[in-house]
Amino acid sequence: MTHKIDGAMSPALRQIESAASSSVQSRSGADRGQPVGATASADQMRLTGDATHLQALERELGAAPAGIDVAKVNAIRASLAEGSYKVDPQAIADRMLSLENALSK
């Protein structure tokens, strides 16, 4: 027996689905449509010293100012809007090479 799968439900499957959705009670009589409450767990988790240090560092960095020079950002934004911003390809290349050298050490 073959069935064409086209995303539409056959009438037999629709009947089974409607019967299942109309009786959402389990064998024990509990309503399966209601959320299940959480149970107490005996599991415990303990962070390593490194994980604790990383959490402290994350909190410290989140509380610190971002270190962004807002005036410089606004000046660059304005020069971009005016079309007067000039890119120095030699300076970009030099900085990329110095970064590459620093990373390879």
Protein backbone atom coordinates (compact mmCIF):
# COMPACT_ATOMS: atom_id res chain seq x y z
CA MET A 1 0.00 0.00 0.00
CA THR A 2 1.39 3.40 -0.93
CA HIS A 3 0.55 6.84 0.37
CA LYS A 4 1.18 10.16 -1.26
CA ILE A 5 2.80 12.60 1.15
CA ASP A 6 1.58 16.06 0.24
CA GLY A 7 1.13 17.70 3.62
CA ALA A 8 -2.64 17.13 3.72
CA MET A 9 -4.06 14.75 6.30
CA SER A 10 -6.14 11.83 5.20
CA PRO A 11 -9.68 11.61 6.65
CA ALA A 12 -8.66 8.61 8.78
CA LEU A 13 -5.78 10.55 10.34
CA ARG A 14 -8.04 13.54 11.00
CA GLN A 15 -10.44 11.27 12.91
CA ILE A 16 -7.60 9.84 15.00
CA GLU A 17 -6.21 13.30 15.73
CA SER A 18 -9.59 14.72 16.75
CA ALA A 19 -10.25 11.73 19.00
CA ALA A 20 -6.85 12.13 20.63
CA SER A 21 -7.25 15.85 21.18
CA SER A 22 -10.75 15.48 22.65
CA SER A 23 -9.52 13.07 25.30
CA VAL A 24 -6.37 14.60 26.69
CA GLN A 25 -6.54 12.63 29.89
CA SER A 26 -3.86 10.12 30.68
CA ARG A 27 -4.60 6.65 32.03
CA SER A 28 -4.17 7.97 35.55
CA GLY A 29 -6.92 10.53 34.99
CA ALA A 30 -4.67 13.63 35.10
CA ASP A 31 -5.43 16.34 32.57
CA ARG A 32 -2.58 16.40 30.06
CA GLY A 33 -3.58 19.83 28.83
CA GLN A 34 -2.36 21.43 32.07
CA PRO A 35 1.28 22.37 32.70
CA VAL A 36 3.35 19.99 34.76
CA GLY A 37 4.75 21.32 38.02
CA ALA A 38 8.45 21.20 38.71
CA THR A 39 9.73 18.54 41.02
CA ALA A 40 12.48 18.97 43.57
CA SER A 41 15.81 17.91 42.19
CA ALA A 42 18.75 16.42 44.03
CA ASP A 43 21.18 17.53 41.33
CA GLN A 44 23.82 20.03 42.30
CA MET A 45 26.26 22.12 40.32
CA ARG A 46 29.51 23.56 41.54
CA LEU A 47 31.58 25.98 39.48
CA THR A 48 35.31 25.59 39.17
CA GLY A 49 37.62 28.40 40.20
CA ASP A 50 38.12 29.34 36.55
CA ALA A 51 34.38 29.55 35.91
CA THR A 52 33.87 31.70 39.00
CA HIS A 53 36.71 33.97 37.88
CA LEU A 54 35.18 34.28 34.41
CA GLN A 55 31.81 35.21 35.89
CA ALA A 56 33.43 37.90 38.05
CA LEU A 57 35.33 39.22 35.05
CA GLU A 58 32.12 39.32 33.00
CA ARG A 59 30.34 41.31 35.72
CA GLU A 60 33.30 43.70 35.98
CA LEU A 61 33.43 44.29 32.24
CA GLY A 62 29.68 44.76 32.07
CA ALA A 63 29.80 47.45 34.75
CA ALA A 64 32.76 49.32 33.24
CA PRO A 65 32.29 52.04 30.62
CA ALA A 66 32.70 50.80 27.06
CA GLY A 67 35.72 53.03 26.37
CA ILE A 68 34.21 54.47 23.19
CA ASP A 69 35.18 57.99 22.24
CA VAL A 70 31.72 59.28 21.39
CA ALA A 71 33.04 62.59 20.04
CA LYS A 72 35.34 60.80 17.60
CA VAL A 73 32.54 58.46 16.50
CA ASN A 74 30.26 61.43 15.85
CA ALA A 75 32.99 63.26 13.91
CA ILE A 76 33.60 60.21 11.69
CA ARG A 77 29.86 59.74 11.23
CA ALA A 78 29.51 63.36 10.13
CA SER A 79 32.44 63.16 7.69
CA LEU A 80 30.99 59.95 6.21
CA ALA A 81 27.64 61.68 5.73
CA GLU A 82 29.35 64.65 4.05
CA GLY A 83 31.49 62.40 1.87
CA SER A 84 34.71 63.95 3.17
CA TYR A 85 36.02 60.86 5.02
CA LYS A 86 39.33 59.74 3.52
CA VAL A 87 40.64 56.20 3.84
CA ASP A 88 44.41 55.75 4.11
CA PRO A 89 45.06 52.29 2.63
CA GLN A 90 48.74 52.36 3.61
CA ALA A 91 47.90 52.96 7.27
CA ILE A 92 45.37 50.12 7.19
CA ALA A 93 47.91 47.76 5.61
CA ASP A 94 50.59 48.72 8.14
CA ARG A 95 48.25 48.10 11.09
CA MET A 96 47.13 44.75 9.64
CA LEU A 97 50.76 43.65 9.27
CA SER A 98 51.65 44.75 12.80
CA LEU A 99 48.64 42.85 14.15
CA GLU A 100 49.66 39.75 12.18
CA ASN A 101 53.19 40.01 13.57
CA ALA A 102 51.90 40.41 17.12
CA LEU A 103 49.59 37.39 16.77
CA SER A 104 52.30 35.14 15.34
CA LYS A 105 54.62 35.66 18.33
